[in-house]
């Protein structure tokens, strides 16, 4: 048995079960990504908040750079650093979207 949910139900499910995992902006980016994935692949995504939180993260670019040992030594500005982190996530096939101060990405 499946139930179709909209963004408000999606948001409510995360707020009930994992309110600290994603910002509201991050949930919007993740929702858009999952909707596009369903359209592109023809596969319905189950709303399993715990599983989604195991597969995706939202974090600041500085934390991502540190966690994945991204070399930012050649960067002169924070804008350059953000760009390098985004490019790294894209190269890994993990980039989902940008949020204020960071990114939503697929864990790898």
N, C-alpha and C. Protein backbone atom coordinates (compact mmCIF):
# COMPACT_ATOMS: atom_id res chain seq x y z
N UNK A 1 0.85 -1.17 0.00
CA UNK A 1 0.00 0.00 0.00
C UNK A 1 0.90 1.24 0.00
N UNK A 2 0.64 2.14 -0.92
CA UNK A 2 1.44 3.36 -1.03
C UNK A 2 0.54 4.57 -0.88
N UNK A 3 1.14 5.63 -0.39
CA UNK A 3 0.44 6.89 -0.25
C UNK A 3 1.29 7.98 -0.89
N UNK A 4 0.72 8.78 -1.74
CA UNK A 4 1.43 9.88 -2.35
C UNK A 4 1.43 11.05 -1.38
N UNK A 5 2.61 11.66 -1.22
CA UNK A 5 2.72 12.79 -0.31
C UNK A 5 3.22 14.01 -1.08
N UNK A 6 2.85 15.15 -0.59
CA UNK A 6 3.35 16.42 -1.12
C UNK A 6 4.46 16.93 -0.21
N UNK A 7 5.00 18.09 -0.56
CA UNK A 7 6.08 18.65 0.23
C UNK A 7 5.70 18.88 1.69
N UNK A 8 4.49 19.38 2.00
CA UNK A 8 4.16 19.59 3.42
C UNK A 8 4.24 18.30 4.25
N UNK A 9 3.76 17.20 3.70
CA UNK A 9 3.81 15.92 4.42
C UNK A 9 5.26 15.43 4.54
N UNK A 10 6.03 15.64 3.48
CA UNK A 10 7.46 15.30 3.47
C UNK A 10 8.17 16.06 4.59
N UNK A 11 7.95 17.35 4.63
CA UNK A 11 8.55 18.21 5.64
C UNK A 11 8.12 17.79 7.04
N UNK A 12 6.84 17.54 7.24
CA UNK A 12 6.33 17.12 8.55
C UNK A 12 6.96 15.82 9.02
N UNK A 13 7.14 14.87 8.12
CA UNK A 13 7.74 13.59 8.48
C UNK A 13 9.16 13.80 9.01
N UNK A 14 9.94 14.67 8.36
CA UNK A 14 11.30 14.94 8.83
C UNK A 14 11.29 15.71 10.14
N UNK A 15 10.37 16.63 10.29
CA UNK A 15 10.30 17.41 11.52
C UNK A 15 9.93 16.53 12.71
N UNK A 16 9.12 15.50 12.48
CA UNK A 16 8.74 14.58 13.55
C UNK A 16 9.87 13.62 13.92
N UNK A 17 10.54 13.07 12.91
CA UNK A 17 11.50 12.00 13.15
C UNK A 17 12.96 12.45 13.24
N UNK A 18 13.35 13.37 12.42
CA UNK A 18 14.75 13.83 12.36
C UNK A 18 14.81 15.34 12.13
N UNK A 19 14.37 16.13 13.10
CA UNK A 19 14.28 17.58 12.88
C UNK A 19 15.62 18.29 12.70
N UNK A 20 16.72 17.65 13.09
CA UNK A 20 18.02 18.31 13.00
C UNK A 20 18.81 17.96 11.74
N UNK A 21 18.31 17.03 10.93
CA UNK A 21 19.10 16.57 9.79
C UNK A 21 19.16 17.55 8.62
N UNK A 22 18.08 18.26 8.36
CA UNK A 22 18.03 19.16 7.21
C UNK A 22 17.32 20.45 7.60
N UNK A 23 17.81 21.54 7.05
CA UNK A 23 17.11 22.82 7.19
C UNK A 23 15.87 22.79 6.30
N UNK A 24 15.00 23.75 6.46
CA UNK A 24 13.84 23.83 5.57
C UNK A 24 14.30 24.00 4.13
N UNK A 25 15.31 24.81 3.91
CA UNK A 25 15.85 24.99 2.56
C UNK A 25 16.44 23.67 2.05
N UNK A 26 17.13 22.96 2.91
CA UNK A 26 17.71 21.67 2.54
C UNK A 26 16.64 20.65 2.19
N UNK A 27 15.54 20.64 2.94
CA UNK A 27 14.43 19.73 2.63
C UNK A 27 13.84 20.06 1.26
N UNK A 28 13.75 21.34 0.94
CA UNK A 28 13.23 21.74 -0.37
C UNK A 28 14.14 21.25 -1.50
N UNK A 29 15.44 21.37 -1.30
CA UNK A 29 16.41 20.91 -2.30
C UNK A 29 16.31 19.40 -2.44
N UNK A 30 16.22 18.70 -1.32
CA UNK A 30 16.13 17.24 -1.34
C UNK A 30 14.82 16.78 -1.98
N UNK A 31 13.72 17.44 -1.68
CA UNK A 31 12.43 17.13 -2.29
C UNK A 31 12.50 17.26 -3.81
N UNK A 32 13.05 18.37 -4.27
CA UNK A 32 13.17 18.59 -5.72
C UNK A 32 14.03 17.51 -6.36
N UNK A 33 15.12 17.14 -5.70
CA UNK A 33 16.02 16.11 -6.22
C UNK A 33 15.29 14.76 -6.33
N UNK A 34 14.59 14.38 -5.27
CA UNK A 34 13.89 13.10 -5.26
C UNK A 34 12.74 13.07 -6.28
N UNK A 35 12.06 14.18 -6.42
CA UNK A 35 11.00 14.28 -7.43
C UNK A 35 11.57 14.11 -8.84
N UNK A 36 12.70 14.77 -9.10
CA UNK A 36 13.35 14.67 -10.41
C UNK A 36 13.85 13.25 -10.64
N UNK A 37 14.38 12.63 -9.61
CA UNK A 37 14.84 11.24 -9.70
C UNK A 37 13.68 10.32 -10.09
N UNK A 38 12.55 10.50 -9.44
CA UNK A 38 11.38 9.68 -9.78
C UNK A 38 10.97 9.88 -11.24
N UNK A 39 10.95 11.12 -11.68
CA UNK A 39 10.57 11.42 -13.07
C UNK A 39 11.57 10.83 -14.06
N UNK A 40 12.86 10.97 -13.76
CA UNK A 40 13.90 10.51 -14.67
C UNK A 40 13.97 8.99 -14.76
N UNK A 41 13.78 8.32 -13.63
CA UNK A 41 13.98 6.87 -13.56
C UNK A 41 12.69 6.07 -13.61
N UNK A 42 11.56 6.74 -13.39
CA UNK A 42 10.29 6.03 -13.36
C UNK A 42 10.14 5.13 -12.15
N UNK A 43 10.88 5.44 -11.09
CA UNK A 43 10.85 4.65 -9.86
C UNK A 43 10.30 5.52 -8.74
N UNK A 44 9.31 5.01 -8.02
CA UNK A 44 8.77 5.75 -6.89
C UNK A 44 9.70 5.61 -5.69
N UNK A 45 9.93 6.72 -5.01
CA UNK A 45 10.77 6.73 -3.82
C UNK A 45 9.87 6.59 -2.60
N UNK A 46 10.22 5.66 -1.73
CA UNK A 46 9.46 5.47 -0.50
C UNK A 46 9.88 6.54 0.50
N UNK A 47 8.91 7.10 1.20
CA UNK A 47 9.21 8.09 2.22
C UNK A 47 9.62 7.35 3.50
N UNK A 48 10.89 7.05 3.57
CA UNK A 48 11.50 6.41 4.73
C UNK A 48 12.53 7.40 5.26
N UNK A 49 12.12 8.20 6.23
CA UNK A 49 12.95 9.30 6.71
C UNK A 49 14.31 8.80 7.19
N UNK A 50 14.33 7.71 7.92
CA UNK A 50 15.59 7.19 8.45
C UNK A 50 16.52 6.79 7.30
N UNK A 51 16.00 6.08 6.32
CA UNK A 51 16.82 5.65 5.18
C UNK A 51 17.32 6.86 4.39
N UNK A 52 16.47 7.84 4.19
CA UNK A 52 16.89 9.05 3.45
C UNK A 52 18.00 9.76 4.23
N UNK A 53 17.87 9.82 5.55
CA UNK A 53 18.90 10.47 6.37
C UNK A 53 20.21 9.68 6.37
N UNK A 54 20.14 8.38 6.11
CA UNK A 54 21.37 7.58 6.00
C UNK A 54 22.03 7.79 4.64
N UNK A 55 21.24 8.13 3.63
CA UNK A 55 21.75 8.28 2.27
C UNK A 55 22.15 9.70 1.91
N UNK A 56 21.58 10.70 2.57
CA UNK A 56 21.81 12.09 2.21
C UNK A 56 22.17 12.91 3.45
N UNK A 57 22.93 13.98 3.23
CA UNK A 57 23.32 14.88 4.32
C UNK A 57 23.25 16.32 3.84
N UNK A 58 23.19 17.20 4.80
CA UNK A 58 23.33 18.63 4.55
C UNK A 58 24.41 19.13 5.48
N UNK A 59 25.36 19.85 4.93
CA UNK A 59 26.44 20.35 5.78
C UNK A 59 27.06 21.58 5.12
N UNK A 60 27.80 22.33 5.91
CA UNK A 60 28.52 23.49 5.42
C UNK A 60 29.72 23.07 4.57
N UNK A 61 30.10 23.92 3.67
CA UNK A 61 31.20 23.59 2.76
C UNK A 61 32.49 23.33 3.51
N UNK A 62 32.72 24.04 4.61
CA UNK A 62 33.95 23.85 5.37
C UNK A 62 34.01 22.45 5.98
N UNK A 63 32.90 21.99 6.55
CA UNK A 63 32.84 20.65 7.14
C UNK A 63 32.99 19.57 6.08
N UNK A 64 32.38 19.79 4.93
CA UNK A 64 32.51 18.81 3.84
C UNK A 64 33.96 18.72 3.39
N UNK A 65 34.60 19.87 3.23
CA UNK A 65 36.01 19.89 2.81
C UNK A 65 36.88 19.15 3.81
N UNK A 66 36.62 19.35 5.07
CA UNK A 66 37.40 18.69 6.11
C UNK A 66 37.10 17.18 6.14
N UNK A 67 35.85 16.81 6.07
CA UNK A 67 35.46 15.40 6.14
C UNK A 67 36.02 14.58 4.99
N UNK A 68 36.10 15.19 3.80
CA UNK A 68 36.54 14.46 2.62
C UNK A 68 37.96 14.86 2.17
N UNK A 69 38.68 15.56 3.04
CA UNK A 69 40.06 15.96 2.75
C UNK A 69 40.19 16.63 1.38
N UNK A 70 39.33 17.59 1.12
CA UNK A 70 39.38 18.33 -0.13
C UNK A 70 40.45 19.41 -0.01
N UNK A 71 41.36 19.42 -0.93
CA UNK A 71 42.47 20.38 -0.91
C UNK A 71 41.98 21.75 -1.37
N UNK A 72 42.00 22.70 -0.45
CA UNK A 72 41.58 24.06 -0.76
C UNK A 72 42.76 25.03 -0.72
N UNK A 73 43.97 24.50 -0.70
CA UNK A 73 45.16 25.34 -0.54
C UNK A 73 45.38 26.31 -1.70
N UNK A 74 44.89 25.98 -2.87
CA UNK A 74 45.07 26.86 -4.03
C UNK A 74 44.00 27.95 -4.11
N UNK A 75 43.01 27.89 -3.23
CA UNK A 75 41.89 28.83 -3.27
C UNK A 75 42.25 30.12 -2.55
N UNK A 76 41.90 31.23 -3.18
CA UNK A 76 42.21 32.53 -2.59
C UNK A 76 41.05 33.11 -1.79
N UNK A 77 39.82 32.77 -2.18
CA UNK A 77 38.66 33.34 -1.50
C UNK A 77 37.72 32.22 -1.07
N UNK A 78 36.78 32.57 -0.19
CA UNK A 78 35.77 31.59 0.23
C UNK A 78 34.92 31.16 -0.96
N UNK A 79 34.67 32.08 -1.87
CA UNK A 79 33.89 31.73 -3.08
C UNK A 79 34.60 30.64 -3.88
N UNK A 80 35.92 30.76 -3.99
CA UNK A 80 36.70 29.74 -4.68
C UNK A 80 36.59 28.40 -3.96
N UNK A 81 36.64 28.44 -2.64
CA UNK A 81 36.55 27.22 -1.84
C UNK A 81 35.19 26.54 -2.01
N UNK A 82 34.13 27.34 -1.99
CA UNK A 82 32.79 26.79 -2.19
C UNK A 82 32.71 26.12 -3.56
N UNK A 83 33.26 26.76 -4.57
CA UNK A 83 33.24 26.22 -5.92
C UNK A 83 34.00 24.89 -6.00
N UNK A 84 35.14 24.81 -5.34
CA UNK A 84 35.94 23.58 -5.36
C UNK A 84 35.18 22.45 -4.65
N UNK A 85 34.54 22.75 -3.53
CA UNK A 85 33.77 21.73 -2.82
C UNK A 85 32.61 21.26 -3.68
N UNK A 86 31.89 22.18 -4.32
CA UNK A 86 30.79 21.79 -5.19
C UNK A 86 31.29 20.92 -6.34
N UNK A 87 32.38 21.32 -6.96
CA UNK A 87 32.94 20.52 -8.06
C UNK A 87 33.33 19.12 -7.59
N UNK A 88 33.88 19.03 -6.39
CA UNK A 88 34.25 17.73 -5.83
C UNK A 88 33.01 16.84 -5.67
N UNK A 89 31.95 17.41 -5.09
CA UNK A 89 30.71 16.64 -4.92
C UNK A 89 30.14 16.21 -6.26
N UNK A 90 30.19 17.10 -7.24
CA UNK A 90 29.69 16.77 -8.58
C UNK A 90 30.51 15.64 -9.20
N UNK A 91 31.84 15.70 -9.06
CA UNK A 91 32.70 14.65 -9.60
C UNK A 91 32.42 13.30 -8.96
N UNK A 92 32.03 13.30 -7.69
CA UNK A 92 31.73 12.06 -6.98
C UNK A 92 30.31 11.57 -7.28
N UNK A 93 29.54 12.36 -8.02
CA UNK A 93 28.15 12.01 -8.29
C UNK A 93 27.27 12.16 -7.06
N UNK A 94 27.70 13.01 -6.14
CA UNK A 94 27.01 13.14 -4.86
C UNK A 94 26.25 14.45 -4.70
N UNK A 95 26.47 15.40 -5.59
CA UNK A 95 25.86 16.73 -5.46
C UNK A 95 24.36 16.65 -5.65
N UNK A 96 23.61 17.17 -4.68
CA UNK A 96 22.16 17.25 -4.78
C UNK A 96 21.74 18.69 -5.01
N UNK A 97 22.27 19.60 -4.21
CA UNK A 97 21.93 21.00 -4.38
C UNK A 97 22.63 21.88 -3.36
N UNK A 98 22.60 23.17 -3.63
CA UNK A 98 23.25 24.14 -2.76
C UNK A 98 22.22 24.77 -1.83
N UNK A 99 22.63 24.97 -0.60
CA UNK A 99 21.84 25.71 0.38
C UNK A 99 22.72 26.81 0.94
N UNK A 100 22.13 27.71 1.68
CA UNK A 100 22.91 28.82 2.23
C UNK A 100 24.04 28.27 3.10
N UNK A 101 25.27 28.53 2.70
CA UNK A 101 26.43 28.13 3.48
C UNK A 101 26.89 26.70 3.26
N UNK A 102 26.22 25.94 2.39
CA UNK A 102 26.64 24.57 2.21
C UNK A 102 25.89 23.84 1.11
N UNK A 103 25.80 22.54 1.30
CA UNK A 103 25.24 21.68 0.27
C UNK A 103 24.43 20.54 0.86
N UNK A 104 23.49 20.06 0.07
CA UNK A 104 22.85 18.77 0.32
C UNK A 104 23.54 17.81 -0.65
N UNK A 105 23.92 16.64 -0.14
CA UNK A 105 24.66 15.70 -0.98
C UNK A 105 24.36 14.27 -0.58
N UNK A 106 24.61 13.37 -1.52
CA UNK A 106 24.48 11.94 -1.25
C UNK A 106 25.75 11.49 -0.54
N UNK A 107 25.57 10.81 0.58
CA UNK A 107 26.74 10.32 1.34
C UNK A 107 27.50 9.30 0.52
N UNK A 108 28.80 9.34 0.63
CA UNK A 108 29.65 8.38 -0.08
C UNK A 108 30.85 8.04 0.77
